[in-house]
Amino acid sequence: RDAGESLLKNGPQIIVCTRGKEGSLIFSRTEIEEIPVENNHKVIDPTGAGDVYTAGFLAGLLLNFSLLNCGRIATRMAGQSVKGLGRDNYPDSKDFEKILQELELK
């Protein structure tokens, strides 16, 4: 937490720290959100999970969701991506829409 708060003093408005099985931390100048991993399914391949998380987080930001909900979306998307080899389970636009519905954001 100290590192995230310290980095905010150098200019960024939002800092996200992904922590694998530990979930993620999202820092802004007004809030800190801790996003847990939602389920403990078997991880087949974690390759690219951080990129998928980032895509989900940015999609949430572009749709003007709160930082908490951006983190929830990103966590779901990254969680789906690790269930298969390579890009086999990467979420697509239909998966994104389903995630929004499951989280009651749409």
N, C-alpha and C. Protein backbone atom coordinates (compact mmCIF):
# COMPACT_ATOMS: atom_id res chain seq x y z
N ARG A 1 0.82 -1.20 0.00
CA ARG A 1 0.00 0.00 0.00
C ARG A 1 0.86 1.26 0.00
N ASP A 2 1.93 1.23 0.77
CA ASP A 2 2.78 2.41 0.85
C ASP A 2 3.35 2.79 -0.51
N ALA A 3 3.76 1.79 -1.30
CA ALA A 3 4.34 2.06 -2.62
C ALA A 3 3.30 2.70 -3.53
N GLY A 4 2.08 2.18 -3.52
CA GLY A 4 1.02 2.74 -4.36
C GLY A 4 0.71 4.16 -3.99
N GLU A 5 0.59 4.42 -2.71
CA GLU A 5 0.30 5.77 -2.25
C GLU A 5 1.45 6.73 -2.58
N SER A 6 2.66 6.23 -2.48
CA SER A 6 3.83 7.04 -2.79
C SER A 6 3.88 7.38 -4.28
N LEU A 7 3.57 6.42 -5.15
CA LEU A 7 3.57 6.67 -6.59
C LEU A 7 2.55 7.72 -7.00
N LEU A 8 1.42 7.76 -6.31
CA LEU A 8 0.38 8.75 -6.64
C LEU A 8 0.91 10.18 -6.50
N LYS A 9 1.86 10.36 -5.62
CA LYS A 9 2.42 11.69 -5.41
C LYS A 9 3.26 12.17 -6.59
N ASN A 10 3.60 11.23 -7.50
CA ASN A 10 4.43 11.57 -8.65
C ASN A 10 3.64 11.83 -9.93
N GLY A 11 2.30 11.91 -9.83
CA GLY A 11 1.54 12.31 -10.98
C GLY A 11 0.40 11.42 -11.46
N PRO A 12 0.53 10.09 -11.39
CA PRO A 12 -0.58 9.28 -11.90
C PRO A 12 -1.86 9.51 -11.10
N GLN A 13 -2.99 9.36 -11.75
CA GLN A 13 -4.27 9.51 -11.06
C GLN A 13 -4.77 8.17 -10.52
N ILE A 14 -4.38 7.08 -11.19
CA ILE A 14 -4.81 5.73 -10.78
C ILE A 14 -3.60 4.80 -10.90
N ILE A 15 -3.45 3.95 -9.91
CA ILE A 15 -2.42 2.91 -9.94
C ILE A 15 -3.10 1.59 -9.60
N VAL A 16 -2.82 0.57 -10.41
CA VAL A 16 -3.37 -0.75 -10.16
C VAL A 16 -2.22 -1.71 -9.95
N CYS A 17 -2.31 -2.48 -8.88
CA CYS A 17 -1.31 -3.49 -8.57
C CYS A 17 -1.99 -4.85 -8.58
N THR A 18 -1.68 -5.67 -9.58
CA THR A 18 -2.24 -7.03 -9.61
C THR A 18 -1.32 -7.93 -8.79
N ARG A 19 -1.96 -8.86 -8.06
CA ARG A 19 -1.19 -9.69 -7.14
C ARG A 19 -1.53 -11.17 -7.28
N GLY A 20 -1.89 -11.61 -8.47
CA GLY A 20 -2.19 -13.02 -8.70
C GLY A 20 -3.30 -13.53 -7.81
N LYS A 21 -3.03 -14.60 -7.08
CA LYS A 21 -4.03 -15.20 -6.20
C LYS A 21 -4.46 -14.29 -5.05
N GLU A 22 -3.70 -13.22 -4.84
CA GLU A 22 -4.00 -12.26 -3.78
C GLU A 22 -4.99 -11.19 -4.24
N GLY A 23 -5.38 -11.22 -5.51
CA GLY A 23 -6.30 -10.21 -6.03
C GLY A 23 -5.56 -8.99 -6.52
N SER A 24 -6.15 -7.82 -6.36
CA SER A 24 -5.51 -6.59 -6.83
C SER A 24 -5.83 -5.43 -5.89
N LEU A 25 -5.00 -4.42 -5.99
CA LEU A 25 -5.20 -3.17 -5.25
C LEU A 25 -5.28 -2.04 -6.26
N ILE A 26 -6.25 -1.16 -6.06
CA ILE A 26 -6.43 -0.01 -6.94
C ILE A 26 -6.32 1.25 -6.08
N PHE A 27 -5.42 2.12 -6.46
CA PHE A 27 -5.18 3.36 -5.72
C PHE A 27 -5.58 4.56 -6.56
N SER A 28 -6.26 5.49 -5.96
CA SER A 28 -6.47 6.81 -6.56
C SER A 28 -6.21 7.82 -5.45
N ARG A 29 -6.34 9.07 -5.77
CA ARG A 29 -6.09 10.09 -4.75
C ARG A 29 -7.19 10.13 -3.70
N THR A 30 -8.34 9.53 -4.00
CA THR A 30 -9.46 9.59 -3.06
C THR A 30 -9.88 8.24 -2.48
N GLU A 31 -9.35 7.16 -3.03
CA GLU A 31 -9.77 5.85 -2.53
C GLU A 31 -8.72 4.78 -2.78
N ILE A 32 -8.85 3.71 -2.00
CA ILE A 32 -8.06 2.50 -2.19
C ILE A 32 -9.06 1.35 -2.20
N GLU A 33 -9.05 0.57 -3.28
CA GLU A 33 -9.95 -0.57 -3.39
C GLU A 33 -9.12 -1.85 -3.41
N GLU A 34 -9.52 -2.80 -2.59
CA GLU A 34 -8.89 -4.12 -2.61
C GLU A 34 -9.88 -5.08 -3.25
N ILE A 35 -9.47 -5.69 -4.35
CA ILE A 35 -10.33 -6.58 -5.10
C ILE A 35 -9.84 -8.01 -4.90
N PRO A 36 -10.65 -8.85 -4.26
CA PRO A 36 -10.23 -10.24 -4.06
C PRO A 36 -10.43 -11.08 -5.32
N VAL A 37 -9.70 -12.17 -5.41
CA VAL A 37 -9.97 -13.17 -6.44
C VAL A 37 -11.30 -13.81 -6.07
N GLU A 38 -12.17 -14.01 -7.05
CA GLU A 38 -13.52 -14.45 -6.74
C GLU A 38 -13.67 -15.93 -6.47
N ASN A 39 -12.90 -16.76 -7.12
CA ASN A 39 -13.00 -18.20 -6.86
C ASN A 39 -11.62 -18.82 -7.02
N ASN A 40 -11.48 -19.95 -6.45
CA ASN A 40 -10.18 -20.62 -6.49
C ASN A 40 -10.22 -21.78 -7.48
N HIS A 41 -10.52 -21.48 -8.75
CA HIS A 41 -10.53 -22.51 -9.77
C HIS A 41 -9.10 -22.87 -10.14
N LYS A 42 -8.94 -23.98 -10.80
CA LYS A 42 -7.62 -24.43 -11.20
C LYS A 42 -7.06 -23.53 -12.29
N VAL A 43 -5.87 -23.04 -12.10
CA VAL A 43 -5.20 -22.21 -13.09
C VAL A 43 -4.47 -23.14 -14.06
N ILE A 44 -4.86 -23.08 -15.33
CA ILE A 44 -4.21 -23.89 -16.36
C ILE A 44 -3.00 -23.16 -16.91
N ASP A 45 -3.17 -21.88 -17.24
CA ASP A 45 -2.08 -21.09 -17.82
C ASP A 45 -2.29 -19.61 -17.50
N PRO A 46 -1.43 -19.03 -16.68
CA PRO A 46 -1.60 -17.62 -16.32
C PRO A 46 -1.05 -16.64 -17.35
N THR A 47 -0.48 -17.15 -18.45
CA THR A 47 0.09 -16.28 -19.46
C THR A 47 -0.96 -15.30 -19.98
N GLY A 48 -0.66 -14.03 -19.92
CA GLY A 48 -1.54 -13.01 -20.45
C GLY A 48 -2.63 -12.54 -19.50
N ALA A 49 -2.73 -13.14 -18.33
CA ALA A 49 -3.80 -12.75 -17.40
C ALA A 49 -3.72 -11.27 -17.03
N GLY A 50 -2.52 -10.76 -16.87
CA GLY A 50 -2.37 -9.34 -16.55
C GLY A 50 -2.84 -8.44 -17.67
N ASP A 51 -2.58 -8.85 -18.90
CA ASP A 51 -3.04 -8.07 -20.06
C ASP A 51 -4.56 -8.11 -20.14
N VAL A 52 -5.16 -9.27 -19.88
CA VAL A 52 -6.62 -9.39 -19.90
C VAL A 52 -7.22 -8.54 -18.78
N TYR A 53 -6.60 -8.58 -17.60
CA TYR A 53 -7.04 -7.73 -16.49
C TYR A 53 -7.04 -6.27 -16.93
N THR A 54 -5.93 -5.84 -17.53
CA THR A 54 -5.81 -4.45 -17.97
C THR A 54 -6.90 -4.08 -18.96
N ALA A 55 -7.16 -4.97 -19.92
CA ALA A 55 -8.21 -4.71 -20.92
C ALA A 55 -9.57 -4.54 -20.23
N GLY A 56 -9.87 -5.42 -19.28
CA GLY A 56 -11.14 -5.32 -18.57
C GLY A 56 -11.24 -4.05 -17.75
N PHE A 57 -10.15 -3.70 -17.09
CA PHE A 57 -10.13 -2.49 -16.27
C PHE A 57 -10.35 -1.26 -17.13
N LEU A 58 -9.62 -1.17 -18.24
CA LEU A 58 -9.75 -0.01 -19.12
C LEU A 58 -11.13 0.06 -19.76
N ALA A 59 -11.70 -1.09 -20.11
CA ALA A 59 -13.06 -1.09 -20.66
C ALA A 59 -14.03 -0.52 -19.64
N GLY A 60 -13.87 -0.92 -18.38
CA GLY A 60 -14.73 -0.38 -17.32
C GLY A 60 -14.56 1.12 -17.16
N LEU A 61 -13.31 1.60 -17.22
CA LEU A 61 -13.07 3.04 -17.12
C LEU A 61 -13.73 3.79 -18.28
N LEU A 62 -13.61 3.23 -19.48
CA LEU A 62 -14.21 3.89 -20.65
C LEU A 62 -15.73 3.95 -20.56
N LEU A 63 -16.31 3.01 -19.82
CA LEU A 63 -17.76 3.00 -19.61
C LEU A 63 -18.16 3.77 -18.35
N ASN A 64 -17.19 4.44 -17.75
CA ASN A 64 -17.41 5.30 -16.57
C ASN A 64 -17.87 4.55 -15.33
N PHE A 65 -17.42 3.31 -15.17
CA PHE A 65 -17.72 2.58 -13.94
C PHE A 65 -16.78 3.03 -12.83
N SER A 66 -17.17 2.80 -11.61
CA SER A 66 -16.33 3.12 -10.46
C SER A 66 -15.06 2.27 -10.50
N LEU A 67 -14.05 2.69 -9.76
CA LEU A 67 -12.82 1.90 -9.70
C LEU A 67 -13.09 0.51 -9.15
N LEU A 68 -13.97 0.42 -8.16
CA LEU A 68 -14.34 -0.89 -7.61
C LEU A 68 -14.90 -1.78 -8.70
N ASN A 69 -15.84 -1.28 -9.49
CA ASN A 69 -16.44 -2.10 -10.54
C ASN A 69 -15.47 -2.38 -11.68
N CYS A 70 -14.59 -1.46 -11.99
CA CYS A 70 -13.54 -1.73 -12.98
C CYS A 70 -12.69 -2.91 -12.52
N GLY A 71 -12.33 -2.91 -11.25
CA GLY A 71 -11.55 -4.02 -10.70
C GLY A 71 -12.31 -5.33 -10.70
N ARG A 72 -13.60 -5.27 -10.42
CA ARG A 72 -14.42 -6.49 -10.43
C ARG A 72 -14.52 -7.06 -11.84
N ILE A 73 -14.73 -6.19 -12.83
CA ILE A 73 -14.78 -6.64 -14.23
C ILE A 73 -13.45 -7.26 -14.63
N ALA A 74 -12.37 -6.55 -14.34
CA ALA A 74 -11.03 -7.02 -14.71
C ALA A 74 -10.71 -8.36 -14.07
N THR A 75 -11.09 -8.52 -12.81
CA THR A 75 -10.83 -9.77 -12.09
C THR A 75 -11.57 -10.93 -12.73
N ARG A 76 -12.83 -10.72 -13.09
CA ARG A 76 -13.60 -11.77 -13.75
C ARG A 76 -12.98 -12.16 -15.09
N MET A 77 -12.59 -11.14 -15.86
CA MET A 77 -12.02 -11.42 -17.17
C MET A 77 -10.69 -12.17 -17.05
N ALA A 78 -9.83 -11.73 -16.16
CA ALA A 78 -8.55 -12.40 -15.96
C ALA A 78 -8.77 -13.82 -15.44
N GLY A 79 -9.75 -13.98 -14.55
CA GLY A 79 -10.06 -15.31 -14.02
C GLY A 79 -10.49 -16.27 -15.11
N GLN A 80 -11.22 -15.77 -16.07
CA GLN A 80 -11.64 -16.62 -17.19
C GLN A 80 -10.44 -17.00 -18.06
N SER A 81 -9.53 -16.05 -18.24
CA SER A 81 -8.41 -16.27 -19.16
C SER A 81 -7.46 -17.37 -18.70
N VAL A 82 -7.36 -17.61 -17.41
CA VAL A 82 -6.40 -18.59 -16.90
C VAL A 82 -6.93 -20.02 -16.90
N LYS A 83 -8.16 -20.20 -17.32
CA LYS A 83 -8.78 -21.53 -17.31
C LYS A 83 -8.43 -22.38 -18.52
N GLY A 84 -7.67 -21.84 -19.47
CA GLY A 84 -7.28 -22.59 -20.66
C GLY A 84 -5.86 -22.26 -21.06
N LEU A 85 -5.36 -22.98 -22.05
CA LEU A 85 -4.01 -22.74 -22.53
C LEU A 85 -3.96 -21.56 -23.49
N GLY A 86 -2.92 -20.77 -23.36
CA GLY A 86 -2.74 -19.64 -24.26
C GLY A 86 -3.95 -18.74 -24.27
N ARG A 87 -4.42 -18.44 -25.48
CA ARG A 87 -5.56 -17.55 -25.62
C ARG A 87 -6.89 -18.29 -25.73
N ASP A 88 -6.89 -19.59 -25.50
CA ASP A 88 -8.11 -20.39 -25.65
C ASP A 88 -9.29 -19.85 -24.86
N ASN A 89 -9.06 -19.34 -23.68
CA ASN A 89 -10.15 -18.87 -22.82
C ASN A 89 -10.19 -17.36 -22.65
N TYR A 90 -9.49 -16.63 -23.49
CA TYR A 90 -9.55 -15.18 -23.39
C TYR A 90 -10.98 -14.74 -23.65
N PRO A 91 -11.50 -13.84 -22.83
CA PRO A 91 -12.87 -13.38 -23.03
C PRO A 91 -13.01 -12.53 -24.29
N ASP A 92 -14.18 -12.62 -24.90
CA ASP A 92 -14.49 -11.78 -26.05
C ASP A 92 -15.62 -10.82 -25.67
N SER A 93 -16.17 -10.12 -26.64
CA SER A 93 -17.20 -9.12 -26.33
C SER A 93 -18.45 -9.75 -25.71
N LYS A 94 -18.80 -10.96 -26.12
CA LYS A 94 -19.96 -11.64 -25.53
C LYS A 94 -19.69 -11.96 -24.06
N ASP A 95 -18.47 -12.42 -23.78
CA ASP A 95 -18.10 -12.70 -22.39
C ASP A 95 -18.13 -11.42 -21.56
N PHE A 96 -17.66 -10.33 -22.14
CA PHE A 96 -17.67 -9.04 -21.44
C PHE A 96 -19.09 -8.65 -21.08
N GLU A 97 -20.00 -8.76 -22.04
CA GLU A 97 -21.41 -8.44 -21.78
C GLU A 97 -21.99 -9.33 -20.69
N LYS A 98 -21.64 -10.61 -20.72
CA LYS A 98 -22.12 -11.55 -19.70
C LYS A 98 -21.60 -11.15 -18.32
N ILE A 99 -20.35 -10.77 -18.24
CA ILE A 99 -19.75 -10.34 -16.98
C ILE A 99 -20.48 -9.11 -16.44
N LEU A 100 -20.78 -8.16 -17.32
CA LEU A 100 -21.50 -6.97 -16.88
C LEU A 100 -22.86 -7.34 -16.32
N GLN A 101 -23.53 -8.29 -16.96
CA GLN A 101 -24.84 -8.73 -16.48
C GLN A 101 -24.71 -9.45 -15.13
N GLU A 102 -23.72 -10.33 -15.01
CA GLU A 102 -23.52 -11.06 -13.75
C GLU A 102 -23.22 -10.11 -12.59
N LEU A 103 -22.50 -9.06 -12.89
CA LEU A 103 -22.15 -8.08 -11.85
C LEU A 103 -23.24 -7.03 -11.67
N GLU A 104 -24.31 -7.21 -12.42
CA GLU A 104 -25.45 -6.29 -12.38
C GLU A 104 -25.04 -4.85 -12.71
N LEU A 105 -24.18 -4.73 -13.72
CA LEU A 105 -23.73 -3.43 -14.16
C LEU A 105 -24.40 -3.02 -15.46
N LYS A 106 -25.22 -3.92 -15.99
CA LYS A 106 -25.92 -3.61 -17.24
C LYS A 106 -27.34 -4.08 -17.16
